[in-house]
Amino acid sequence: MKLPIVRYGDPILRAKGKRIAAVDAHVRELAANMIETMHLANGIGLAAQQVGEALQLTVIDVSGAEDQESTLKLNGTEVDSNSLMPLLLINPELTLNKETTLAIEGCLSFPEITADIRRAISVVVRAQTLEGTPVEIEASGLLARALQHEVDHLNGILFIDRMSAATKVALRSRLKRMQRENAPG
């Protein structure tokens, strides 16, 4: 079922997600709905906060972005990243590579806004699957960027927080309008 995507201005986007102690029917249904919602919105990632739930749950699918390379090692073994998509991660914890790069990013909660964001070129993420299995994923390229973006969401951090000061100034009026339009009440 397609879920409504929360837009900037809703305080849930600033909420740190609660750890998921056990996967129950609600979490399974939410995960399935998040994957469907992400695909229907043509996104490559979606965090639970973006559909109104402050939980440590994210889904990612970079398989449609053939023009942007990603590498993936699952538990130390290199695999084709597309073969594991969509990725569903519970309680993810990131370790960032020190080397960074600047690239354009957007966000489903900020329609029509993009900006250059500096991110680590590669990451290691430890998380659980829907079945409760612990996994370790080493990623680079677009997948590494998407993992950082989505884990930020799970911690109440938005991509606008990582924009340069000049970009924030340039977008100030659009962001203020969006915040007003989407604030509760």
N, C-alpha and C. Protein backbone atom coordinates (compact mmCIF):
# COMPACT_ATOMS: atom_id res chain seq x y z
N MET A 1 0.84 -1.17 0.00
CA MET A 1 0.00 0.00 0.00
C MET A 1 0.89 1.24 0.00
N LYS A 2 0.59 2.17 -0.90
CA LYS A 2 1.36 3.41 -0.96
C LYS A 2 1.03 4.27 0.25
N LEU A 3 2.09 4.75 0.91
CA LEU A 3 1.93 5.60 2.09
C LEU A 3 2.20 7.05 1.71
N PRO A 4 1.57 8.00 2.42
CA PRO A 4 1.90 9.40 2.15
C PRO A 4 3.31 9.71 2.65
N ILE A 5 4.06 10.46 1.85
CA ILE A 5 5.42 10.84 2.23
C ILE A 5 5.37 12.17 2.97
N VAL A 6 5.95 12.17 4.16
CA VAL A 6 6.00 13.36 5.00
C VAL A 6 6.94 14.38 4.37
N ARG A 7 6.52 15.63 4.36
CA ARG A 7 7.34 16.69 3.78
C ARG A 7 7.96 17.55 4.86
N TYR A 8 9.02 18.25 4.46
CA TYR A 8 9.73 19.15 5.37
C TYR A 8 8.76 20.12 6.02
N GLY A 9 8.89 20.26 7.33
CA GLY A 9 7.98 21.08 8.12
C GLY A 9 7.29 20.22 9.17
N ASP A 10 7.14 18.92 8.88
CA ASP A 10 6.56 18.00 9.84
C ASP A 10 7.65 17.61 10.85
N PRO A 11 7.40 17.78 12.15
CA PRO A 11 8.44 17.51 13.16
C PRO A 11 8.91 16.06 13.20
N ILE A 12 8.16 15.11 12.67
CA ILE A 12 8.59 13.70 12.70
C ILE A 12 9.92 13.53 11.96
N LEU A 13 10.19 14.40 10.97
CA LEU A 13 11.44 14.30 10.23
C LEU A 13 12.66 14.60 11.10
N ARG A 14 12.46 15.28 12.22
CA ARG A 14 13.55 15.60 13.14
C ARG A 14 13.63 14.61 14.30
N ALA A 15 12.75 13.61 14.31
CA ALA A 15 12.71 12.64 15.41
C ALA A 15 13.75 11.54 15.19
N LYS A 16 14.49 11.22 16.23
CA LYS A 16 15.40 10.07 16.17
C LYS A 16 14.55 8.81 16.29
N GLY A 17 14.76 7.88 15.40
CA GLY A 17 13.97 6.66 15.39
C GLY A 17 14.27 5.76 16.58
N LYS A 18 13.24 5.10 17.06
CA LYS A 18 13.42 4.12 18.15
C LYS A 18 13.99 2.84 17.56
N ARG A 19 14.88 2.20 18.32
CA ARG A 19 15.42 0.91 17.90
C ARG A 19 14.27 -0.10 17.85
N ILE A 20 14.35 -1.00 16.91
CA ILE A 20 13.34 -2.05 16.78
C ILE A 20 13.87 -3.28 17.52
N ALA A 21 13.20 -3.63 18.61
CA ALA A 21 13.65 -4.76 19.44
C ALA A 21 13.26 -6.10 18.82
N ALA A 22 12.08 -6.14 18.20
CA ALA A 22 11.59 -7.38 17.59
C ALA A 22 10.77 -7.04 16.36
N VAL A 23 10.93 -7.83 15.32
CA VAL A 23 10.16 -7.63 14.10
C VAL A 23 8.80 -8.30 14.28
N ASP A 24 7.76 -7.49 14.19
CA ASP A 24 6.40 -8.02 14.32
C ASP A 24 5.63 -7.75 13.03
N ALA A 25 4.36 -8.07 13.03
CA ALA A 25 3.53 -7.90 11.83
C ALA A 25 3.50 -6.44 11.38
N HIS A 26 3.46 -5.51 12.33
CA HIS A 26 3.44 -4.09 11.98
C HIS A 26 4.70 -3.69 11.23
N VAL A 27 5.87 -4.12 11.73
CA VAL A 27 7.15 -3.77 11.09
C VAL A 27 7.22 -4.40 9.69
N ARG A 28 6.78 -5.65 9.56
CA ARG A 28 6.80 -6.31 8.25
C ARG A 28 5.91 -5.58 7.24
N GLU A 29 4.71 -5.20 7.68
CA GLU A 29 3.79 -4.49 6.80
C GLU A 29 4.34 -3.11 6.45
N LEU A 30 4.87 -2.41 7.44
CA LEU A 30 5.46 -1.10 7.20
C LEU A 30 6.59 -1.20 6.19
N ALA A 31 7.46 -2.19 6.34
CA ALA A 31 8.59 -2.37 5.42
C ALA A 31 8.10 -2.61 4.00
N ALA A 32 7.13 -3.48 3.83
CA ALA A 32 6.58 -3.76 2.49
C ALA A 32 5.96 -2.51 1.89
N ASN A 33 5.23 -1.76 2.70
CA ASN A 33 4.60 -0.53 2.22
C ASN A 33 5.64 0.54 1.89
N MET A 34 6.73 0.59 2.65
CA MET A 34 7.79 1.56 2.38
C MET A 34 8.47 1.25 1.05
N ILE A 35 8.70 -0.02 0.76
CA ILE A 35 9.32 -0.39 -0.52
C ILE A 35 8.40 0.02 -1.67
N GLU A 36 7.11 -0.28 -1.56
CA GLU A 36 6.17 0.10 -2.60
C GLU A 36 6.11 1.62 -2.76
N THR A 37 6.07 2.34 -1.66
CA THR A 37 6.01 3.80 -1.68
C THR A 37 7.25 4.38 -2.35
N MET A 38 8.42 3.87 -1.97
CA MET A 38 9.69 4.34 -2.56
C MET A 38 9.69 4.13 -4.07
N HIS A 39 9.30 2.94 -4.51
CA HIS A 39 9.29 2.65 -5.94
C HIS A 39 8.29 3.53 -6.69
N LEU A 40 7.09 3.71 -6.14
CA LEU A 40 6.07 4.53 -6.80
C LEU A 40 6.49 6.01 -6.87
N ALA A 41 7.31 6.44 -5.92
CA ALA A 41 7.78 7.83 -5.90
C ALA A 41 9.08 8.00 -6.69
N ASN A 42 9.57 6.91 -7.31
CA ASN A 42 10.82 6.93 -8.06
C ASN A 42 12.01 7.35 -7.19
N GLY A 43 11.98 6.94 -5.94
CA GLY A 43 13.08 7.23 -5.03
C GLY A 43 14.06 6.08 -4.97
N ILE A 44 15.22 6.33 -4.36
CA ILE A 44 16.21 5.27 -4.18
C ILE A 44 16.36 4.90 -2.70
N GLY A 45 15.64 5.62 -1.84
CA GLY A 45 15.69 5.33 -0.42
C GLY A 45 14.52 5.97 0.30
N LEU A 46 14.15 5.36 1.42
CA LEU A 46 13.05 5.89 2.22
C LEU A 46 13.26 5.44 3.67
N ALA A 47 13.18 6.39 4.58
CA ALA A 47 13.30 6.10 6.01
C ALA A 47 11.92 6.11 6.64
N ALA A 48 11.77 5.38 7.73
CA ALA A 48 10.47 5.29 8.41
C ALA A 48 9.91 6.67 8.77
N GLN A 49 10.78 7.60 9.16
CA GLN A 49 10.32 8.95 9.51
C GLN A 49 9.59 9.59 8.34
N GLN A 50 10.00 9.28 7.13
CA GLN A 50 9.41 9.89 5.94
C GLN A 50 7.98 9.41 5.67
N VAL A 51 7.57 8.36 6.37
CA VAL A 51 6.17 7.90 6.27
C VAL A 51 5.49 8.00 7.64
N GLY A 52 6.06 8.83 8.51
CA GLY A 52 5.40 9.16 9.77
C GLY A 52 5.67 8.24 10.94
N GLU A 53 6.70 7.39 10.87
CA GLU A 53 7.01 6.47 11.97
C GLU A 53 8.45 6.69 12.42
N ALA A 54 8.65 7.03 13.68
CA ALA A 54 10.00 7.26 14.21
C ALA A 54 10.62 5.94 14.66
N LEU A 55 11.05 5.16 13.67
CA LEU A 55 11.67 3.85 13.91
C LEU A 55 12.99 3.76 13.15
N GLN A 56 13.87 2.88 13.60
CA GLN A 56 15.15 2.65 12.93
C GLN A 56 14.96 1.61 11.81
N LEU A 57 14.29 2.04 10.75
CA LEU A 57 13.98 1.18 9.61
C LEU A 57 14.13 1.98 8.33
N THR A 58 14.89 1.47 7.39
CA THR A 58 15.04 2.13 6.10
C THR A 58 15.06 1.11 4.97
N VAL A 59 14.63 1.56 3.80
CA VAL A 59 14.69 0.74 2.59
C VAL A 59 15.46 1.53 1.53
N ILE A 60 16.24 0.80 0.73
CA ILE A 60 17.07 1.42 -0.31
C ILE A 60 17.02 0.53 -1.54
N ASP A 61 16.96 1.16 -2.72
CA ASP A 61 17.02 0.42 -3.97
C ASP A 61 17.69 1.29 -5.02
N VAL A 62 18.97 1.01 -5.30
CA VAL A 62 19.71 1.77 -6.30
C VAL A 62 19.77 1.03 -7.64
N SER A 63 19.00 -0.04 -7.77
CA SER A 63 19.10 -0.86 -8.99
C SER A 63 18.65 -0.12 -10.25
N GLY A 64 17.82 0.90 -10.12
CA GLY A 64 17.35 1.65 -11.28
C GLY A 64 18.32 2.71 -11.75
N ALA A 65 19.40 2.92 -11.01
CA ALA A 65 20.36 3.98 -11.34
C ALA A 65 21.58 3.38 -12.01
N GLU A 66 21.39 2.83 -13.22
CA GLU A 66 22.49 2.18 -13.93
C GLU A 66 23.62 3.15 -14.28
N ASP A 67 23.29 4.45 -14.35
CA ASP A 67 24.30 5.43 -14.72
C ASP A 67 25.24 5.77 -13.56
N GLN A 68 24.92 5.28 -12.35
CA GLN A 68 25.76 5.56 -11.19
C GLN A 68 26.20 4.24 -10.55
N GLU A 69 27.50 4.08 -10.48
CA GLU A 69 28.06 2.82 -10.00
C GLU A 69 27.99 2.69 -8.48
N SER A 70 27.78 1.48 -8.04
CA SER A 70 27.81 1.14 -6.61
C SER A 70 28.55 -0.17 -6.45
N THR A 71 29.30 -0.29 -5.36
CA THR A 71 29.89 -1.58 -5.02
C THR A 71 29.32 -2.02 -3.68
N LEU A 72 29.28 -3.31 -3.48
CA LEU A 72 28.70 -3.84 -2.25
C LEU A 72 29.40 -5.12 -1.85
N LYS A 73 29.82 -5.18 -0.59
CA LYS A 73 30.29 -6.42 0.00
C LYS A 73 29.32 -6.75 1.12
N LEU A 74 28.82 -7.97 1.10
CA LEU A 74 27.91 -8.45 2.13
C LEU A 74 28.67 -9.43 3.00
N ASN A 75 28.84 -9.10 4.27
CA ASN A 75 29.59 -9.94 5.21
C ASN A 75 30.94 -10.33 4.65
N GLY A 76 31.62 -9.35 3.99
CA GLY A 76 32.97 -9.56 3.48
C GLY A 76 33.07 -10.12 2.07
N THR A 77 31.95 -10.51 1.46
CA THR A 77 31.97 -11.09 0.12
C THR A 77 31.39 -10.10 -0.88
N GLU A 78 32.16 -9.81 -1.94
CA GLU A 78 31.67 -8.89 -2.96
C GLU A 78 30.51 -9.52 -3.72
N VAL A 79 29.43 -8.75 -3.86
CA VAL A 79 28.25 -9.23 -4.58
C VAL A 79 27.76 -8.12 -5.50
N ASP A 80 26.97 -8.48 -6.49
CA ASP A 80 26.34 -7.50 -7.37
C ASP A 80 25.30 -6.75 -6.55
N SER A 81 25.46 -5.44 -6.44
CA SER A 81 24.55 -4.67 -5.58
C SER A 81 23.09 -4.82 -6.02
N ASN A 82 22.85 -4.92 -7.32
CA ASN A 82 21.47 -5.04 -7.81
C ASN A 82 20.80 -6.33 -7.34
N SER A 83 21.59 -7.37 -7.09
CA SER A 83 21.01 -8.65 -6.68
C SER A 83 20.41 -8.59 -5.28
N LEU A 84 20.81 -7.61 -4.48
CA LEU A 84 20.30 -7.50 -3.11
C LEU A 84 19.22 -6.43 -2.95
N MET A 85 18.87 -5.78 -4.05
CA MET A 85 17.88 -4.70 -3.96
C MET A 85 16.47 -5.25 -4.00
N PRO A 86 15.51 -4.67 -3.29
CA PRO A 86 15.74 -3.57 -2.37
C PRO A 86 16.35 -4.05 -1.06
N LEU A 87 17.21 -3.20 -0.50
CA LEU A 87 17.80 -3.46 0.81
C LEU A 87 16.83 -2.98 1.88
N LEU A 88 16.68 -3.75 2.91
CA LEU A 88 15.84 -3.36 4.04
C LEU A 88 16.71 -3.50 5.28
N LEU A 89 16.92 -2.40 5.99
CA LEU A 89 17.83 -2.42 7.12
C LEU A 89 17.13 -1.95 8.39
N ILE A 90 17.34 -2.72 9.46
CA ILE A 90 16.78 -2.42 10.77
C ILE A 90 17.93 -2.07 11.71
N ASN A 91 17.78 -0.97 12.46
CA ASN A 91 18.77 -0.51 13.44
C ASN A 91 20.17 -0.36 12.83
N PRO A 92 20.29 0.30 11.66
CA PRO A 92 21.61 0.41 11.04
C PRO A 92 22.55 1.35 11.80
N GLU A 93 23.84 0.97 11.80
CA GLU A 93 24.89 1.81 12.39
C GLU A 93 26.00 1.93 11.35
N LEU A 94 26.38 3.19 11.07
CA LEU A 94 27.34 3.49 10.00
C LEU A 94 28.73 3.78 10.53
N THR A 95 29.73 3.35 9.77
CA THR A 95 31.11 3.78 9.94
C THR A 95 31.51 4.39 8.61
N LEU A 96 31.99 5.64 8.64
CA LEU A 96 32.30 6.37 7.41
C LEU A 96 33.78 6.33 7.08
N ASN A 97 34.09 6.21 5.80
CA ASN A 97 35.43 6.37 5.30
C ASN A 97 35.80 7.84 5.46
N LYS A 98 37.06 8.15 5.71
CA LYS A 98 37.49 9.55 5.89
C LYS A 98 37.44 10.35 4.59
N GLU A 99 37.67 9.67 3.46
CA GLU A 99 37.70 10.36 2.17
C GLU A 99 36.27 10.71 1.74
N THR A 100 36.08 11.95 1.28
CA THR A 100 34.74 12.41 0.90
C THR A 100 34.69 12.88 -0.54
N THR A 101 33.46 13.03 -1.02
CA THR A 101 33.24 13.57 -2.36
C THR A 101 31.95 14.39 -2.33
N LEU A 102 31.84 15.29 -3.27
CA LEU A 102 30.67 16.15 -3.39
C LEU A 102 29.82 15.64 -4.54
N ALA A 103 28.52 15.49 -4.32
CA ALA A 103 27.63 15.05 -5.40
C ALA A 103 26.22 15.57 -5.13
N ILE A 104 25.42 15.61 -6.18
CA ILE A 104 24.06 16.13 -6.09
C ILE A 104 23.16 15.13 -5.36
N GLU A 105 22.31 15.65 -4.48
CA GLU A 105 21.34 14.82 -3.76
C GLU A 105 19.99 15.49 -3.78
N GLY A 106 18.97 14.66 -3.72
CA GLY A 106 17.61 15.13 -3.52
C GLY A 106 16.99 14.30 -2.41
N CYS A 107 15.73 14.58 -2.11
CA CYS A 107 15.05 13.88 -1.03
C CYS A 107 13.55 13.91 -1.29
N LEU A 108 12.90 12.76 -1.10
CA LEU A 108 11.45 12.69 -1.33
C LEU A 108 10.67 13.61 -0.40
N SER A 109 11.24 13.99 0.73
CA SER A 109 10.56 14.90 1.66
C SER A 109 10.79 16.38 1.30
N PHE A 110 11.61 16.61 0.28
CA PHE A 110 11.90 17.96 -0.22
C PHE A 110 11.73 17.96 -1.74
N PRO A 111 10.48 17.85 -2.23
CA PRO A 111 10.28 17.77 -3.68
C PRO A 111 10.92 18.95 -4.40
N GLU A 112 11.57 18.63 -5.50
CA GLU A 112 12.14 19.63 -6.41
C GLU A 112 13.30 20.42 -5.82
N ILE A 113 13.89 19.96 -4.71
CA ILE A 113 15.07 20.62 -4.17
C ILE A 113 16.23 19.64 -4.23
N THR A 114 17.32 20.09 -4.83
CA THR A 114 18.54 19.29 -4.87
C THR A 114 19.71 20.20 -4.49
N ALA A 115 20.80 19.58 -4.07
CA ALA A 115 21.99 20.35 -3.71
C ALA A 115 23.19 19.42 -3.70
N ASP A 116 24.36 20.02 -3.87
CA ASP A 116 25.60 19.27 -3.71
C ASP A 116 25.83 19.03 -2.22
N ILE A 117 26.04 17.76 -1.87
CA ILE A 117 26.24 17.37 -0.48
C ILE A 117 27.54 16.58 -0.40
N ARG A 118 28.37 16.91 0.59
CA ARG A 118 29.63 16.19 0.81
C ARG A 118 29.34 14.95 1.66
N ARG A 119 29.76 13.80 1.16
CA ARG A 119 29.56 12.52 1.86
C ARG A 119 30.83 11.68 1.75
N ALA A 120 30.96 10.71 2.64
CA ALA A 120 32.05 9.74 2.57
C ALA A 120 31.91 8.92 1.29
N ILE A 121 33.04 8.58 0.67
CA ILE A 121 32.97 7.82 -0.59
C ILE A 121 32.61 6.35 -0.35
N SER A 122 32.87 5.88 0.87
CA SER A 122 32.49 4.50 1.18
C SER A 122 32.10 4.41 2.66
N VAL A 123 31.30 3.39 2.97
CA VAL A 123 30.80 3.20 4.33
C VAL A 123 30.74 1.72 4.66
N VAL A 124 30.68 1.45 5.96
CA VAL A 124 30.36 0.11 6.46
C VAL A 124 29.12 0.30 7.31
N VAL A 125 28.11 -0.52 7.08
CA VAL A 125 26.89 -0.45 7.88
C VAL A 125 26.64 -1.82 8.50
N ARG A 126 26.33 -1.80 9.79
CA ARG A 126 25.92 -3.02 10.49
C ARG A 126 24.45 -2.85 10.84
N ALA A 127 23.66 -3.87 10.52
CA ALA A 127 22.22 -3.78 10.73
C ALA A 127 21.65 -5.18 10.85
N GLN A 128 20.32 -5.24 10.98
CA GLN A 128 19.62 -6.52 10.96
C GLN A 128 18.69 -6.52 9.75
N THR A 129 18.40 -7.73 9.28
CA THR A 129 17.43 -7.89 8.21
C THR A 129 16.05 -8.06 8.85
N LEU A 130 15.04 -8.15 8.02
CA LEU A 130 13.68 -8.37 8.49
C LEU A 130 13.57 -9.69 9.25
N GLU A 131 14.44 -10.64 8.92
CA GLU A 131 14.44 -11.94 9.60
C GLU A 131 15.23 -11.89 10.90
N GLY A 132 15.85 -10.74 11.22
CA GLY A 132 16.62 -10.60 12.45
C GLY A 132 18.08 -11.01 12.30
N THR A 133 18.50 -11.34 11.08
CA THR A 133 19.88 -11.74 10.83
C THR A 133 20.79 -10.52 10.82
N PRO A 134 21.89 -10.54 11.59
CA PRO A 134 22.83 -9.42 11.51
C PRO A 134 23.58 -9.45 10.18
N VAL A 135 23.77 -8.28 9.60
CA VAL A 135 24.52 -8.16 8.35
C VAL A 135 25.53 -7.03 8.46
N GLU A 136 26.61 -7.17 7.70
CA GLU A 136 27.58 -6.09 7.56
C GLU A 136 27.71 -5.82 6.07
N ILE A 137 27.51 -4.57 5.70
CA ILE A 137 27.56 -4.17 4.30
C ILE A 137 28.64 -3.11 4.14
N GLU A 138 29.56 -3.37 3.21
CA GLU A 138 30.53 -2.35 2.79
C GLU A 138 30.05 -1.84 1.45
N ALA A 139 29.93 -0.53 1.32
CA ALA A 139 29.39 0.03 0.08
C ALA A 139 30.17 1.26 -0.34
N SER A 140 30.17 1.48 -1.67
CA SER A 140 30.73 2.72 -2.21
C SER A 140 29.79 3.20 -3.30
N GLY A 141 30.10 4.37 -3.83
CA GLY A 141 29.29 4.93 -4.91
C GLY A 141 27.93 5.40 -4.42
N LEU A 142 26.94 5.30 -5.31
CA LEU A 142 25.59 5.78 -5.00
C LEU A 142 25.00 5.06 -3.79
N LEU A 143 25.27 3.77 -3.64
CA LEU A 143 24.74 3.03 -2.50
C LEU A 143 25.29 3.59 -1.19
N ALA A 144 26.56 3.93 -1.14
CA ALA A 144 27.14 4.52 0.08
C ALA A 144 26.47 5.85 0.38
N ARG A 145 26.24 6.66 -0.63
CA ARG A 145 25.58 7.96 -0.46
C ARG A 145 24.15 7.76 0.06
N ALA A 146 23.42 6.82 -0.54
CA ALA A 146 22.03 6.56 -0.12
C ALA A 146 21.99 6.05 1.33
N LEU A 147 22.92 5.19 1.69
CA LEU A 147 22.96 4.68 3.07
C LEU A 147 23.18 5.84 4.06
N GLN A 148 24.10 6.74 3.74
CA GLN A 148 24.36 7.88 4.63
C GLN A 148 23.13 8.78 4.74
N HIS A 149 22.49 9.05 3.60
CA HIS A 149 21.30 9.91 3.58
C HIS A 149 20.18 9.30 4.43
N GLU A 150 19.92 8.01 4.25
CA GLU A 150 18.82 7.37 4.98
C GLU A 150 19.12 7.19 6.46
N VAL A 151 20.35 6.84 6.81
CA VAL A 151 20.69 6.71 8.23
C VAL A 151 20.63 8.08 8.90
N ASP A 152 21.00 9.14 8.17
CA ASP A 152 20.80 10.49 8.71
C ASP A 152 19.32 10.69 9.07
N HIS A 153 18.42 10.34 8.15
CA HIS A 153 16.97 10.47 8.42
C HIS A 153 16.59 9.75 9.72
N LEU A 154 17.12 8.56 9.91
CA LEU A 154 16.77 7.77 11.10
C LEU A 154 17.22 8.44 12.39
N ASN A 155 18.16 9.36 12.26
CA ASN A 155 18.68 10.09 13.42
C ASN A 155 18.20 11.54 13.46
N GLY A 156 17.19 11.86 12.65
CA GLY A 156 16.62 13.21 12.67
C GLY A 156 17.45 14.25 11.94
N ILE A 157 18.40 13.81 11.13
CA ILE A 157 19.27 14.72 10.37
C ILE A 157 18.77 14.76 8.93
N LEU A 158 18.63 15.95 8.38
CA LEU A 158 18.12 16.12 7.02
C LEU A 158 19.24 16.58 6.10
N PHE A 159 19.08 16.32 4.80
CA PHE A 159 20.16 16.67 3.88
C PHE A 159 20.39 18.17 3.82
N ILE A 160 19.39 18.98 4.17
CA ILE A 160 19.60 20.43 4.21
C ILE A 160 20.59 20.81 5.31
N ASP A 161 20.71 19.96 6.34
CA ASP A 161 21.67 20.21 7.42
C ASP A 161 23.11 20.07 6.92
N ARG A 162 23.28 19.40 5.79
CA ARG A 162 24.62 19.15 5.25
C ARG A 162 24.94 20.04 4.05
N MET A 163 24.03 20.94 3.71
CA MET A 163 24.26 21.87 2.59
C MET A 163 25.26 22.94 3.00
N SER A 164 25.91 23.51 1.99
CA SER A 164 26.80 24.65 2.25
C SER A 164 25.96 25.84 2.70
N ALA A 165 26.59 26.77 3.38
CA ALA A 165 25.90 27.98 3.84
C ALA A 165 25.31 28.75 2.65
N ALA A 166 26.06 28.83 1.56
CA ALA A 166 25.58 29.57 0.38
C ALA A 166 24.33 28.91 -0.21
N THR A 167 24.30 27.59 -0.24
CA THR A 167 23.13 26.88 -0.77
C THR A 167 21.93 27.10 0.13
N LYS A 168 22.15 27.05 1.44
CA LYS A 168 21.05 27.30 2.39
C LYS A 168 20.46 28.69 2.20
N VAL A 169 21.33 29.68 2.00
CA VAL A 169 20.86 31.05 1.77
C VAL A 169 20.04 31.11 0.49
N ALA A 170 20.53 30.48 -0.56
CA ALA A 170 19.83 30.49 -1.85
C ALA A 170 18.46 29.82 -1.76
N LEU A 171 18.33 28.81 -0.91
CA LEU A 171 17.08 28.06 -0.78
C LEU A 171 16.19 28.53 0.37
N ARG A 172 16.64 29.52 1.12
CA ARG A 172 15.96 29.93 2.35
C ARG A 172 14.46 30.17 2.17
N SER A 173 14.06 30.94 1.18
CA SER A 173 12.62 31.26 1.04
C SER A 173 11.82 30.01 0.67
N ARG A 174 12.35 29.16 -0.21
CA ARG A 174 11.63 27.92 -0.57
C ARG A 174 11.48 27.01 0.64
N LEU A 175 12.54 26.90 1.44
CA LEU A 175 12.49 26.04 2.63
C LEU A 175 11.53 26.59 3.67
N LYS A 176 11.53 27.90 3.88
CA LYS A 176 10.60 28.51 4.84
C LYS A 176 9.15 28.29 4.41
N ARG A 177 8.89 28.45 3.12
CA ARG A 177 7.53 28.23 2.60
C ARG A 177 7.12 26.77 2.80
N MET A 178 8.01 25.85 2.47
CA MET A 178 7.73 24.43 2.62
C MET A 178 7.48 24.09 4.09
N GLN A 179 8.27 24.68 4.96
CA GLN A 179 8.12 24.42 6.40
C GLN A 179 6.75 24.91 6.89
N ARG A 180 6.35 26.09 6.46
CA ARG A 180 5.04 26.63 6.83
C ARG A 180 3.90 25.76 6.30
N GLU A 181 3.98 25.37 5.04
CA GLU A 181 2.92 24.59 4.39
C GLU A 181 2.73 23.22 5.01
N ASN A 182 3.80 22.64 5.55
CA ASN A 182 3.73 21.27 6.04
C ASN A 182 3.77 21.13 7.56
N ALA A 183 3.78 22.25 8.25
CA ALA A 183 3.75 22.20 9.72
C ALA A 183 2.39 21.71 10.18
N PRO A 184 2.36 20.89 11.22
CA PRO A 184 1.07 20.39 11.70
C PRO A 184 0.21 21.53 12.30
N GLY A 185 -1.10 21.33 12.24
CA GLY A 185 -2.03 22.28 12.84
C GLY A 185 -2.27 23.39 11.92
